[in-house]
Amino acid sequence: MYPSPARHPAAAGSQPAAGPIKFTISDTLERIKEEFNFLQAQYHSLKLECEKLASEKTEMQRHYVMYYEMSYGLNVEMHKQTEIAKRLSGIIGQVLPFLAQEHQQQVASAVERAKQQQQQHGLQQLLIHASGLPHGVGAGALLGAGGLLFPGAGPPAPHLPPPAHKDSDAEKSDQDLVVDVANEQRDSYIRSVKLLPDGRTLLVGGEASNLSIWDLTAPAPRMRAELTSSAPACYALAISPDSKVCFSCCSDGDIAVWDLHNQTLSKESSSVLSCDISADDKYLVTGSGDKKATLYEVLY
């Protein structure tokens, strides 16, 4: 009776299909701006990371040089103590037959106890002696690096003259010192010293960002001036023959050129650990960490 409704009314008037999304010029420029800002942020982050890695590399090179010098000094000290042990053993072997029987037994037992000391204990004592931590541990108590250590070394024998007093804050060689001044204001290592040809001025560089200039003409040496740079340490110094220019090899890979009269600084980038200047004041030779020697022509 009634006509049935159409099952698909949308078929009567079909909707047009959705076309591709269109971008306007402003939208495209906005997207390009966002991409540029993102890349710029990444570049800034990578730049900071590279600067951090470069700083860590410089610090690692500084520690490498320090540990290399420490290991070299320890090796020299071990050979020195081994030679001392050999000589003392020879002296003991020559003197022992002239002692009384009871004294011979005492000396023989003391030497045997010294030989039974562990090698690690002797090496530990050498390390402490090299670093200068305990002030009482000296070379007199160490007789060898291979475990030849006399524990509890006492004062010298009565027939030996007492050691001469020296004004110093660390142990020195057995030779008499001409100038030895303890400076308690400095707690950094000294890497290089240079005496000017006139013999009245001394330049000192080390594990610090400044070089100190000392006046030796006064009765007590005093610091005349300081040359400050951005490098955390100075490994080597070279002075021109006319005493006007100083070249310092810095831990950050720079050669600092100092005008000693005006106390000004200029830099030449190079990874160097040592330097020296020719007698005619025209050439500078540097040794770098990559096992290369470089010759520079000095232009004033």
Foldseek 3Di string as FASTA:
>chain_A
DDDDDDPDPCVVPPDDDDDDDDDDPVRVVVVVVVVVVVVVVVVVVVVVVVVVVLVVVLVVLVVVVVVVVLVVVLVVVQVVLAVQLVVVVVVCVVCLVVDDPVVNVVVVVQQVVQLPAQLVVLSVLSSCLSVCDDVPRDSVQGRHNRRRGRPPDDADDPVDDHDDDDAEDHDDDPDDDPDHHYDPVDDWDWQEKDAAPVRQWIWTWFQAQKIWIWGRPDPHIDTDDIQGDPARGWHEWEAANVRQWIWTQGSSQWTWIAGVVVSDTDIDGGAFRYKYADNVRFWIWTAHPVRDIDIDGDDD
